[in-house]
């Protein structure tokens, strides 16, 4: 099962990054994290920036709404998605969770 946590206005999930890959893609699941292959090297934060840019595009959210909250120097990271501060927050969190599961090839969170 993928890790998801909703904290107030934020949705947190785990990713496992494989830098210096042939292409940018979601490559399934590793333990409770979404496995992501990125072409960027793990040097000077390039892979972190590429991760945020890639996830923003895949999840259809602004890059400014995504943040690496732990694991910036590691392959395993926790990503926070900032959700709107209104009554649609729960619905948006559910939509993003379903999208992540679909991209990772999982039927459930």
PDB file of N, CA and C in Angstrom:
ATOM      1  N   UNK A   1       0.834  -1.185   0.000  1.00  0.00           N
ATOM      2  CA  UNK A   1       0.000   0.000   0.000  1.00  0.00           C
ATOM      3  C   UNK A   1       0.878   1.249   0.000  1.00  0.00           C
ATOM      4  N   UNK A   2       0.477   2.208  -0.761  1.00  0.00           N
ATOM      5  CA  UNK A   2       1.196   3.469  -0.795  1.00  0.00           C
ATOM      6  C   UNK A   2       0.918   4.272   0.473  1.00  0.00           C
ATOM      7  N   UNK A   3       1.909   5.034   0.887  1.00  0.00           N
ATOM      8  CA  UNK A   3       1.800   5.883   2.070  1.00  0.00           C
ATOM      9  C   UNK A   3       1.149   7.210   1.678  1.00  0.00           C
ATOM     10  N   UNK A   4       0.084   7.565   2.357  1.00  0.00           N
ATOM     11  CA  UNK A   4      -0.549   8.870   2.219  1.00  0.00           C
ATOM     12  C   UNK A   4      -0.900   9.370   3.611  1.00  0.00           C
ATOM     13  N   UNK A   5      -0.749  10.670   3.823  1.00  0.00           N
ATOM     14  CA  UNK A   5      -1.146  11.277   5.084  1.00  0.00           C
ATOM     15  C   UNK A   5      -1.706  12.662   4.770  1.00  0.00           C
ATOM     16  N   UNK A   6      -2.896  12.946   5.281  1.00  0.00           N
ATOM     17  CA  UNK A   6      -3.492  14.261   5.114  1.00  0.00           C
ATOM     18  C   UNK A   6      -3.326  15.001   6.436  1.00  0.00           C
ATOM     19  N   UNK A   7      -2.638  16.134   6.378  1.00  0.00           N
ATOM     20  CA  UNK A   7      -2.401  16.970   7.553  1.00  0.00           C
ATOM     21  C   UNK A   7      -2.978  18.348   7.285  1.00  0.00           C
ATOM     22  N   UNK A   8      -4.168  18.613   7.786  1.00  0.00           N
ATOM     23  CA  UNK A   8      -4.757  19.933   7.581  1.00  0.00           C
ATOM     24  C   UNK A   8      -4.916  20.260   6.111  1.00  0.00           C
ATOM     25  N   UNK A   9      -4.089  21.179   5.629  1.00  0.00           N
ATOM     26  CA  UNK A   9      -4.170  21.634   4.240  1.00  0.00           C
ATOM     27  C   UNK A   9      -3.169  20.928   3.330  1.00  0.00           C
ATOM     28  N   UNK A  10      -2.544  19.857   3.816  1.00  0.00           N
ATOM     29  CA  UNK A  10      -1.495  19.203   3.050  1.00  0.00           C
ATOM     30  C   UNK A  10      -1.746  17.713   2.892  1.00  0.00           C
ATOM     31  N   UNK A  11      -1.323  17.188   1.758  1.00  0.00           N
ATOM     32  CA  UNK A  11      -1.292  15.755   1.496  1.00  0.00           C
ATOM     33  C   UNK A  11       0.178  15.373   1.375  1.00  0.00           C
ATOM     34  N   UNK A  12       0.601  14.351   2.117  1.00  0.00           N
ATOM     35  CA  UNK A  12       1.992  13.911   2.100  1.00  0.00           C
ATOM     36  C   UNK A  12       2.033  12.492   1.546  1.00  0.00           C
ATOM     37  N   UNK A  13       3.004  12.241   0.655  1.00  0.00           N
ATOM     38  CA  UNK A  13       3.224  10.893   0.144  1.00  0.00           C
ATOM     39  C   UNK A  13       4.715  10.669  -0.051  1.00  0.00           C
ATOM     40  N   UNK A  14       5.088   9.402  -0.192  1.00  0.00           N
ATOM     41  CA  UNK A  14       6.500   9.041  -0.329  1.00  0.00           C
ATOM     42  C   UNK A  14       6.842   8.726  -1.780  1.00  0.00           C
ATOM     43  N   UNK A  15       8.079   9.064  -2.138  1.00  0.00           N
ATOM     44  CA  UNK A  15       8.610   8.701  -3.448  1.00  0.00           C
ATOM     45  C   UNK A  15       9.993   8.099  -3.267  1.00  0.00           C
ATOM     46  N   UNK A  16      10.382   7.266  -4.209  1.00  0.00           N
ATOM     47  CA  UNK A  16      11.743   6.727  -4.277  1.00  0.00           C
ATOM     48  C   UNK A  16      12.284   7.116  -5.653  1.00  0.00           C
ATOM     49  N   UNK A  17      13.361   7.882  -5.666  1.00  0.00           N
ATOM     50  CA  UNK A  17      13.910   8.436  -6.901  1.00  0.00           C
ATOM     51  C   UNK A  17      15.065   7.580  -7.417  1.00  0.00           C
ATOM     52  N   UNK A  18      15.049   7.329  -8.708  1.00  0.00           N
ATOM     53  CA  UNK A  18      16.166   6.672  -9.379  1.00  0.00           C
ATOM     54  C   UNK A  18      16.727   7.690 -10.370  1.00  0.00           C
ATOM     55  N   UNK A  19      17.803   8.406  -9.983  1.00  0.00           N
ATOM     56  CA  UNK A  19      18.371   9.432 -10.868  1.00  0.00           C
ATOM     57  C   UNK A  19      19.168   8.824 -12.018  1.00  0.00           C
ATOM     58  N   UNK A  20      19.499   9.664 -12.966  1.00  0.00           N
ATOM     59  CA  UNK A  20      20.302   9.288 -14.135  1.00  0.00           C
ATOM     60  C   UNK A  20      19.690   8.131 -14.918  1.00  0.00           C
ATOM     61  N   UNK A  21      18.394   8.156 -15.067  1.00  0.00           N
ATOM     62  CA  UNK A  21      17.696   7.123 -15.843  1.00  0.00           C
ATOM     63  C   UNK A  21      17.585   7.566 -17.297  1.00  0.00           C
ATOM     64  N   UNK A  22      17.137   6.665 -18.136  1.00  0.00           N
ATOM     65  CA  UNK A  22      17.010   6.953 -19.565  1.00  0.00           C
ATOM     66  C   UNK A  22      15.892   7.951 -19.852  1.00  0.00           C
ATOM     67  N   UNK A  23      14.885   7.998 -18.996  1.00  0.00           N
ATOM     68  CA  UNK A  23      13.769   8.916 -19.208  1.00  0.00           C
ATOM     69  C   UNK A  23      13.063   9.213 -17.899  1.00  0.00           C
ATOM     70  N   UNK A  24      12.238  10.247 -17.905  1.00  0.00           N
ATOM     71  CA  UNK A  24      11.441  10.595 -16.734  1.00  0.00           C
ATOM     72  C   UNK A  24      10.146   9.799 -16.784  1.00  0.00           C
ATOM     73  N   UNK A  25       9.900   9.004 -15.733  1.00  0.00           N
ATOM     74  CA  UNK A  25       8.680   8.200 -15.709  1.00  0.00           C
ATOM     75  C   UNK A  25       8.393   7.686 -14.310  1.00  0.00           C
ATOM     76  N   UNK A  26       7.136   7.384 -14.077  1.00  0.00           N
ATOM     77  CA  UNK A  26       6.757   6.683 -12.863  1.00  0.00           C
ATOM     78  C   UNK A  26       6.887   5.201 -13.181  1.00  0.00           C
ATOM     79  N   UNK A  27       7.652   4.512 -12.330  1.00  0.00           N
ATOM     80  CA  UNK A  27       8.024   3.120 -12.617  1.00  0.00           C
ATOM     81  C   UNK A  27       7.439   2.150 -11.605  1.00  0.00           C
ATOM     82  N   UNK A  28       6.262   2.462 -11.082  1.00  0.00           N
ATOM     83  CA  UNK A  28       5.604   1.553 -10.163  1.00  0.00           C
ATOM     84  C   UNK A  28       5.759   1.949  -8.719  1.00  0.00           C
ATOM     85  N   UNK A  29       5.878   0.919  -7.861  1.00  0.00           N
ATOM     86  CA  UNK A  29       5.896   1.123  -6.418  1.00  0.00           C
ATOM     87  C   UNK A  29       7.096   0.400  -5.827  1.00  0.00           C
ATOM     88  N   UNK A  30       7.708   1.013  -4.860  1.00  0.00           N
ATOM     89  CA  UNK A  30       8.768   0.374  -4.078  1.00  0.00           C
ATOM     90  C   UNK A  30       8.371   0.517  -2.619  1.00  0.00           C
ATOM     91  N   UNK A  31       8.069  -0.612  -1.995  1.00  0.00           N
ATOM     92  CA  UNK A  31       7.543  -0.664  -0.632  1.00  0.00           C
ATOM     93  C   UNK A  31       6.278   0.188  -0.554  1.00  0.00           C
ATOM     94  N   UNK A  32       6.295   1.312   0.166  1.00  0.00           N
ATOM     95  CA  UNK A  32       5.105   2.159   0.276  1.00  0.00           C
ATOM     96  C   UNK A  32       5.283   3.495  -0.445  1.00  0.00           C
ATOM     97  N   UNK A  33       6.234   3.529  -1.386  1.00  0.00           N
ATOM     98  CA  UNK A  33       6.553   4.765  -2.099  1.00  0.00           C
ATOM     99  C   UNK A  33       6.372   4.594  -3.609  1.00  0.00           C
ATOM    100  N   UNK A  34       6.083   5.704  -4.264  1.00  0.00           N
ATOM    101  CA  UNK A  34       6.006   5.737  -5.725  1.00  0.00           C
ATOM    102  C   UNK A  34       7.436   5.792  -6.253  1.00  0.00           C
ATOM    103  N   UNK A  35       7.778   4.872  -7.153  1.00  0.00           N
ATOM    104  CA  UNK A  35       9.117   4.853  -7.732  1.00  0.00           C
ATOM    105  C   UNK A  35       9.126   5.741  -8.970  1.00  0.00           C
ATOM    106  N   UNK A  36      10.065   6.680  -8.992  1.00  0.00           N
ATOM    107  CA  UNK A  36      10.160   7.637 -10.095  1.00  0.00           C
ATOM    108  C   UNK A  36      11.567   7.593 -10.674  1.00  0.00           C
ATOM    109  N   UNK A  37      11.638   7.418 -11.973  1.00  0.00           N
ATOM    110  CA  UNK A  37      12.917   7.478 -12.684  1.00  0.00           C
ATOM    111  C   UNK A  37      13.054   8.867 -13.295  1.00  0.00           C
ATOM    112  N   UNK A  38      14.228   9.473 -13.079  1.00  0.00           N
ATOM    113  CA  UNK A  38      14.493  10.814 -13.598  1.00  0.00           C
ATOM    114  C   UNK A  38      15.824  10.826 -14.336  1.00  0.00           C
ATOM    115  N   UNK A  39      15.907  11.630 -15.387  1.00  0.00           N
ATOM    116  CA  UNK A  39      17.157  11.748 -16.141  1.00  0.00           C
ATOM    117  C   UNK A  39      18.183  12.599 -15.396  1.00  0.00           C
ATOM    118  N   UNK A  40      17.742  13.444 -14.500  1.00  0.00           N
ATOM    119  CA  UNK A  40      18.634  14.367 -13.792  1.00  0.00           C
ATOM    120  C   UNK A  40      19.582  13.619 -12.855  1.00  0.00           C
ATOM    121  N   UNK A  41      20.808  14.124 -12.736  1.00  0.00           N
ATOM    122  CA  UNK A  41      21.750  13.518 -11.792  1.00  0.00           C
ATOM    123  C   UNK A  41      21.475  14.029 -10.368  1.00  0.00           C
ATOM    124  N   UNK A  42      21.914  13.274  -9.362  1.00  0.00           N
ATOM    125  CA  UNK A  42      21.706  13.705  -7.982  1.00  0.00           C
ATOM    126  C   UNK A  42      22.805  14.670  -7.523  1.00  0.00           C
ATOM    127  N   UNK A  43      22.966  15.759  -8.266  1.00  0.00           N
ATOM    128  CA  UNK A  43      24.031  16.719  -7.994  1.00  0.00           C
ATOM    129  C   UNK A  43      23.430  18.107  -7.862  1.00  0.00           C
ATOM    130  N   UNK A  44      23.819  18.821  -6.825  1.00  0.00           N
ATOM    131  CA  UNK A  44      23.389  20.214  -6.616  1.00  0.00           C
ATOM    132  C   UNK A  44      21.872  20.386  -6.661  1.00  0.00           C
ATOM    133  N   UNK A  45      21.128  19.400  -6.206  1.00  0.00           N
ATOM    134  CA  UNK A  45      19.675  19.515  -6.144  1.00  0.00           C
ATOM    135  C   UNK A  45      18.959  19.345  -7.477  1.00  0.00           C
ATOM    136  N   UNK A  46      19.679  18.951  -8.522  1.00  0.00           N
ATOM    137  CA  UNK A  46      19.055  18.814  -9.846  1.00  0.00           C
ATOM    138  C   UNK A  46      17.946  17.770  -9.847  1.00  0.00           C
ATOM    139  N   UNK A  47      18.190  16.623  -9.220  1.00  0.00           N
ATOM    140  CA  UNK A  47      17.171  15.566  -9.187  1.00  0.00           C
ATOM    141  C   UNK A  47      15.956  16.018  -8.376  1.00  0.00           C
ATOM    142  N   UNK A  48      16.179  16.772  -7.311  1.00  0.00           N
ATOM    143  CA  UNK A  48      15.052  17.280  -6.518  1.00  0.00           C
ATOM    144  C   UNK A  48      14.196  18.239  -7.330  1.00  0.00           C
ATOM    145  N   UNK A  49      14.836  19.144  -8.042  1.00  0.00           N
ATOM    146  CA  UNK A  49      14.087  20.082  -8.879  1.00  0.00           C
ATOM    147  C   UNK A  49      13.341  19.352  -9.992  1.00  0.00           C
ATOM    148  N   UNK A  50      14.008  18.360 -10.587  1.00  0.00           N
ATOM    149  CA  UNK A  50      13.365  17.572 -11.646  1.00  0.00           C
ATOM    150  C   UNK A  50      12.180  16.790 -11.093  1.00  0.00           C
ATOM    151  N   UNK A  51      12.311  16.285  -9.878  1.00  0.00           N
ATOM    152  CA  UNK A  51      11.222  15.542  -9.230  1.00  0.00           C
ATOM    153  C   UNK A  51       9.992  16.430  -9.059  1.00  0.00           C
ATOM    154  N   UNK A  52      10.190  17.618  -8.534  1.00  0.00           N
ATOM    155  CA  UNK A  52       9.074  18.546  -8.318  1.00  0.00           C
ATOM    156  C   UNK A  52       8.434  18.931  -9.647  1.00  0.00           C
ATOM    157  N   UNK A  53       9.246  19.246 -10.626  1.00  0.00           N
ATOM    158  CA  UNK A  53       8.723  19.634 -11.944  1.00  0.00           C
ATOM    159  C   UNK A  53       7.931  18.486 -12.570  1.00  0.00           C
ATOM    160  N   UNK A  54       8.475  17.270 -12.500  1.00  0.00           N
ATOM    161  CA  UNK A  54       7.818  16.097 -13.073  1.00  0.00           C
ATOM    162  C   UNK A  54       6.490  15.813 -12.362  1.00  0.00           C
ATOM    163  N   UNK A  55       6.508  15.813 -11.029  1.00  0.00           N
ATOM    164  CA  UNK A  55       5.279  15.541 -10.277  1.00  0.00           C
ATOM    165  C   UNK A  55       4.215  16.615 -10.515  1.00  0.00           C
ATOM    166  N   UNK A  56       4.631  17.870 -10.599  1.00  0.00           N
ATOM    167  CA  UNK A  56       3.666  18.952 -10.851  1.00  0.00           C
ATOM    168  C   UNK A  56       2.931  18.709 -12.166  1.00  0.00           C
ATOM    169  N   UNK A  57       3.679  18.311 -13.177  1.00  0.00           N
ATOM    170  CA  UNK A  57       3.065  18.049 -14.482  1.00  0.00           C
ATOM    171  C   UNK A  57       2.147  16.827 -14.419  1.00  0.00           C
ATOM    172  N   UNK A  58       2.618  15.751 -13.781  1.00  0.00           N
ATOM    173  CA  UNK A  58       1.826  14.520 -13.712  1.00  0.00           C
ATOM    174  C   UNK A  58       0.539  14.693 -12.900  1.00  0.00           C
ATOM    175  N   UNK A  59       0.620  15.482 -11.823  1.00  0.00           N
ATOM    176  CA  UNK A  59      -0.529  15.651 -10.927  1.00  0.00           C
ATOM    177  C   UNK A  59      -1.364  16.871 -11.255  1.00  0.00           C
ATOM    178  N   UNK A  60      -0.916  17.643 -12.240  1.00  0.00           N
ATOM    179  CA  UNK A  60      -1.629  18.848 -12.652  1.00  0.00           C
ATOM    180  C   UNK A  60      -1.793  19.832 -11.488  1.00  0.00           C
ATOM    181  N   UNK A  61      -0.682  20.082 -10.791  1.00  0.00           N
ATOM    182  CA  UNK A  61      -0.647  21.072  -9.714  1.00  0.00           C
ATOM    183  C   UNK A  61       0.513  22.017  -9.987  1.00  0.00           C
ATOM    184  N   UNK A  62       0.484  23.172  -9.354  1.00  0.00           N
ATOM    185  CA  UNK A  62       1.570  24.139  -9.511  1.00  0.00           C
ATOM    186  C   UNK A  62       2.821  23.634  -8.798  1.00  0.00           C
ATOM    187  N   UNK A  63       3.988  23.919  -9.367  1.00  0.00           N
ATOM    188  CA  UNK A  63       5.239  23.533  -8.721  1.00  0.00           C
ATOM    189  C   UNK A  63       5.330  24.139  -7.322  1.00  0.00           C
ATOM    190  N   UNK A  64       4.778  25.330  -7.157  1.00  0.00           N
ATOM    191  CA  UNK A  64       4.833  25.997  -5.854  1.00  0.00           C
ATOM    192  C   UNK A  64       3.977  25.295  -4.801  1.00  0.00           C
ATOM    193  N   UNK A  65       3.074  24.406  -5.223  1.00  0.00           N
ATOM    194  CA  UNK A  65       2.241  23.648  -4.283  1.00  0.00           C
ATOM    195  C   UNK A  65       2.908  22.351  -3.838  1.00  0.00           C
ATOM    196  N   UNK A  66       4.085  22.039  -4.375  1.00  0.00           N
ATOM    197  CA  UNK A  66       4.815  20.823  -4.023  1.00  0.00           C
ATOM    198  C   UNK A  66       6.090  21.185  -3.280  1.00  0.00           C
ATOM    199  N   UNK A  67       6.433  20.351  -2.299  1.00  0.00           N
ATOM    200  CA  UNK A  67       7.648  20.592  -1.524  1.00  0.00           C
ATOM    201  C   UNK A  67       8.195  19.255  -1.024  1.00  0.00           C
ATOM    202  N   UNK A  68       9.504  19.111  -1.092  1.00  0.00           N
ATOM    203  CA  UNK A  68      10.160  17.952  -0.496  1.00  0.00           C
ATOM    204  C   UNK A  68      10.352  18.287   0.979  1.00  0.00           C
ATOM    205  N   UNK A  69       9.677  17.534   1.860  1.00  0.00           N
ATOM    206  CA  UNK A  69       9.746  17.862   3.287  1.00  0.00           C
ATOM    207  C   UNK A  69      10.745  16.991   4.051  1.00  0.00           C
ATOM    208  N   UNK A  70      11.162  15.884   3.450  1.00  0.00           N
ATOM    209  CA  UNK A  70      12.247  15.103   4.046  1.00  0.00           C
ATOM    210  C   UNK A  70      12.917  14.278   2.954  1.00  0.00           C
ATOM    211  N   UNK A  71      14.201  14.010   3.168  1.00  0.00           N
ATOM    212  CA  UNK A  71      14.941  13.192   2.224  1.00  0.00           C
ATOM    213  C   UNK A  71      15.542  13.945   1.059  1.00  0.00           C
ATOM    214  N   UNK A  72      15.763  15.248   1.196  1.00  0.00           N
ATOM    215  CA  UNK A  72      16.303  16.023   0.080  1.00  0.00           C
ATOM    216  C   UNK A  72      17.659  15.490  -0.388  1.00  0.00           C
ATOM    217  N   UNK A  73      18.430  14.870   0.505  1.00  0.00           N
ATOM    218  CA  UNK A  73      19.721  14.321   0.129  1.00  0.00           C
ATOM    219  C   UNK A  73      19.703  12.814  -0.042  1.00  0.00           C
ATOM    220  N   UNK A  74      18.519  12.254  -0.165  1.00  0.00           N
ATOM    221  CA  UNK A  74      18.348  10.813  -0.228  1.00  0.00           C
ATOM    222  C   UNK A  74      17.482  10.443  -1.433  1.00  0.00           C
ATOM    223  N   UNK A  75      17.485   9.176  -1.787  1.00  0.00           N
ATOM    224  CA  UNK A  75      16.578   8.719  -2.851  1.00  0.00           C
ATOM    225  C   UNK A  75      15.141   8.622  -2.351  1.00  0.00           C
ATOM    226  N   UNK A  76      14.982   8.337  -1.065  1.00  0.00           N
ATOM    227  CA  UNK A  76      13.642   8.235  -0.471  1.00  0.00           C
ATOM    228  C   UNK A  76      13.241   9.584   0.094  1.00  0.00           C
ATOM    229  N   UNK A  77      12.096  10.067  -0.336  1.00  0.00           N
ATOM    230  CA  UNK A  77      11.649  11.413   0.031  1.00  0.00           C
ATOM    231  C   UNK A  77      10.179  11.415   0.428  1.00  0.00           C
ATOM    232  N   UNK A  78       9.800  12.419   1.188  1.00  0.00           N
ATOM    233  CA  UNK A  78       8.387  12.692   1.439  1.00  0.00           C
ATOM    234  C   UNK A  78       8.063  13.997   0.726  1.00  0.00           C
ATOM    235  N   UNK A  79       6.972  13.954  -0.017  1.00  0.00           N
ATOM    236  CA  UNK A  79       6.520  15.112  -0.792  1.00  0.00           C
ATOM    237  C   UNK A  79       5.234  15.634  -0.180  1.00  0.00           C
ATOM    238  N   UNK A  80       5.158  16.947  -0.007  1.00  0.00           N
ATOM    239  CA  UNK A  80       3.938  17.580   0.494  1.00  0.00           C
ATOM    240  C   UNK A  80       3.268  18.322  -0.658  1.00  0.00           C
ATOM    241  N   UNK A  81       1.972  18.071  -0.806  1.00  0.00           N
ATOM    242  CA  UNK A  81       1.152  18.803  -1.775  1.00  0.00           C
ATOM    243  C   UNK A  81       0.267  19.730  -0.962  1.00  0.00           C
ATOM    244  N   UNK A  82       0.407  21.027  -1.187  1.00  0.00           N
ATOM    245  CA  UNK A  82      -0.440  21.991  -0.489  1.00  0.00           C
ATOM    246  C   UNK A  82      -1.804  22.026  -1.172  1.00  0.00           C
ATOM    247  N   UNK A  83      -2.844  21.834  -0.387  1.00  0.00           N
ATOM    248  CA  UNK A  83      -4.211  21.819  -0.897  1.00  0.00           C
ATOM    249  C   UNK A  83      -4.885  23.156  -0.611  1.00  0.00           C
ATOM    250  N   UNK A  84      -5.908  23.469  -1.361  1.00  0.00           N
ATOM    251  CA  UNK A  84      -6.647  24.714  -1.163  1.00  0.00           C
ATOM    252  C   UNK A  84      -7.248  24.753   0.238  1.00  0.00           C
ATOM    253  N   UNK A  85      -7.334  25.934   0.782  1.00  0.00           N
ATOM    254  CA  UNK A  85      -7.895  26.117   2.113  1.00  0.00           C
ATOM    255  C   UNK A  85      -9.385  26.430   2.005  1.00  0.00           C
ATOM    256  N   UNK A  86     -10.142  25.445   1.530  1.00  0.00           N
ATOM    257  CA  UNK A  86     -11.590  25.630   1.408  1.00  0.00           C
ATOM    258  C   UNK A  86     -12.282  24.279   1.521  1.00  0.00           C
ATOM    259  N   UNK A  87     -13.554  24.248   1.254  1.00  0.00           N
ATOM    260  CA  UNK A  87     -14.332  23.015   1.432  1.00  0.00           C
ATOM    261  C   UNK A  87     -14.025  21.946   0.392  1.00  0.00           C
ATOM    262  N   UNK A  88     -13.294  22.272  -0.659  1.00  0.00           N
ATOM    263  CA  UNK A  88     -12.942  21.279  -1.679  1.00  0.00           C
ATOM    264  C   UNK A  88     -11.650  20.542  -1.348  1.00  0.00           C
ATOM    265  N   UNK A  89     -11.031  20.875  -0.231  1.00  0.00           N
ATOM    266  CA  UNK A  89      -9.733  20.304   0.144  1.00  0.00           C
ATOM    267  C   UNK A  89      -9.770  18.774   0.203  1.00  0.00           C
ATOM    268  N   UNK A  90     -10.767  18.206   0.873  1.00  0.00           N
ATOM    269  CA  UNK A  90     -10.859  16.747   1.011  1.00  0.00           C
ATOM    270  C   UNK A  90     -11.049  16.080  -0.343  1.00  0.00           C
ATOM    271  N   UNK A  91     -11.879  16.688  -1.175  1.00  0.00           N
ATOM    272  CA  UNK A  91     -12.113  16.132  -2.515  1.00  0.00           C
ATOM    273  C   UNK A  91     -10.827  16.181  -3.337  1.00  0.00           C
ATOM    274  N   UNK A  92     -10.095  17.286  -3.249  1.00  0.00           N
ATOM    275  CA  UNK A  92      -8.848  17.437  -4.006  1.00  0.00           C
ATOM    276  C   UNK A  92      -7.802  16.424  -3.525  1.00  0.00           C
ATOM    277  N   UNK A  93      -7.720  16.208  -2.209  1.00  0.00           N
ATOM    278  CA  UNK A  93      -6.778  15.224  -1.664  1.00  0.00           C
ATOM    279  C   UNK A  93      -7.106  13.839  -2.206  1.00  0.00           C
ATOM    280  N   UNK A  94      -8.384  13.492  -2.244  1.00  0.00           N
ATOM    281  CA  UNK A  94      -8.809  12.191  -2.756  1.00  0.00           C
ATOM    282  C   UNK A  94      -8.472  12.054  -4.244  1.00  0.00           C
ATOM    283  N   UNK A  95      -8.690  13.114  -5.013  1.00  0.00           N
ATOM    284  CA  UNK A  95      -8.383  13.083  -6.440  1.00  0.00           C
ATOM    285  C   UNK A  95      -6.886  12.866  -6.680  1.00  0.00           C
ATOM    286  N   UNK A  96      -6.061  13.559  -5.914  1.00  0.00           N
ATOM    287  CA  UNK A  96      -4.614  13.430  -6.083  1.00  0.00           C
ATOM    288  C   UNK A  96      -4.154  12.034  -5.685  1.00  0.00           C
ATOM    289  N   UNK A  97      -4.695  11.494  -4.592  1.00  0.00           N
ATOM    290  CA  UNK A  97      -4.337  10.137  -4.183  1.00  0.00           C
ATOM    291  C   UNK A  97      -4.691   9.129  -5.267  1.00  0.00           C
ATOM    292  N   UNK A  98      -5.881   9.259  -5.829  1.00  0.00           N
ATOM    293  CA  UNK A  98      -6.301   8.344  -6.894  1.00  0.00           C
ATOM    294  C   UNK A  98      -5.408   8.478  -8.117  1.00  0.00           C
ATOM    295  N   UNK A  99      -5.020   9.700  -8.447  1.00  0.00           N
ATOM    296  CA  UNK A  99      -4.144   9.940  -9.605  1.00  0.00           C
ATOM    297  C   UNK A  99      -2.775   9.301  -9.377  1.00  0.00           C
ATOM    298  N   UNK A 100      -2.228   9.458  -8.167  1.00  0.00           N
ATOM    299  CA  UNK A 100      -0.929   8.860  -7.847  1.00  0.00           C
ATOM    300  C   UNK A 100      -1.017   7.339  -7.954  1.00  0.00           C
ATOM    301  N   UNK A 101      -2.073   6.769  -7.397  1.00  0.00           N
ATOM    302  CA  UNK A 101      -2.254   5.313  -7.463  1.00  0.00           C
ATOM    303  C   UNK A 101      -2.358   4.834  -8.905  1.00  0.00           C
ATOM    304  N   UNK A 102      -3.111   5.556  -9.714  1.00  0.00           N
ATOM    305  CA  UNK A 102      -3.274   5.176 -11.125  1.00  0.00           C
ATOM    306  C   UNK A 102      -1.934   5.259 -11.860  1.00  0.00           C
ATOM    307  N   UNK A 103      -1.177   6.320 -11.632  1.00  0.00           N
ATOM    308  CA  UNK A 103       0.111   6.474 -12.290  1.00  0.00           C
ATOM    309  C   UNK A 103       1.097   5.388 -11.862  1.00  0.00           C
ATOM    310  N   UNK A 104       1.002   4.970 -10.600  1.00  0.00           N
ATOM    311  CA  UNK A 104       1.913   3.946 -10.082  1.00  0.00           C
ATOM    312  C   UNK A 104       1.432   2.530 -10.383  1.00  0.00           C
ATOM    313  N   UNK A 105       0.226   2.423 -10.941  1.00  0.00           N
ATOM    314  CA  UNK A 105      -0.304   1.104 -11.281  1.00  0.00           C
ATOM    315  C   UNK A 105      -0.932   0.378 -10.113  1.00  0.00           C
ATOM    316  N   UNK A 106      -1.319   1.118  -9.076  1.00  0.00           N
ATOM    317  CA  UNK A 106      -1.962   0.517  -7.913  1.00  0.00           C
ATOM    318  C   UNK A 106      -3.446   0.811  -7.971  1.00  0.00           C
ATOM    319  N   UNK A 107      -4.256  -0.150  -7.522  1.00  0.00           N
ATOM    320  CA  UNK A 107      -5.701   0.041  -7.525  1.00  0.00           C
ATOM    321  C   UNK A 107      -6.194   0.749  -6.283  1.00  0.00           C
ATOM    322  N   UNK A 108      -5.413   0.702  -5.200  1.00  0.00           N
ATOM    323  CA  UNK A 108      -5.836   1.345  -3.963  1.00  0.00           C
ATOM    324  C   UNK A 108      -4.654   2.008  -3.281  1.00  0.00           C
ATOM    325  N   UNK A 109      -4.976   2.915  -2.370  1.00  0.00           N
ATOM    326  CA  UNK A 109      -3.937   3.613  -1.634  1.00  0.00           C
ATOM    327  C   UNK A 109      -3.480   2.711  -0.537  1.00  0.00           C
TER     328      UNK A 109
END
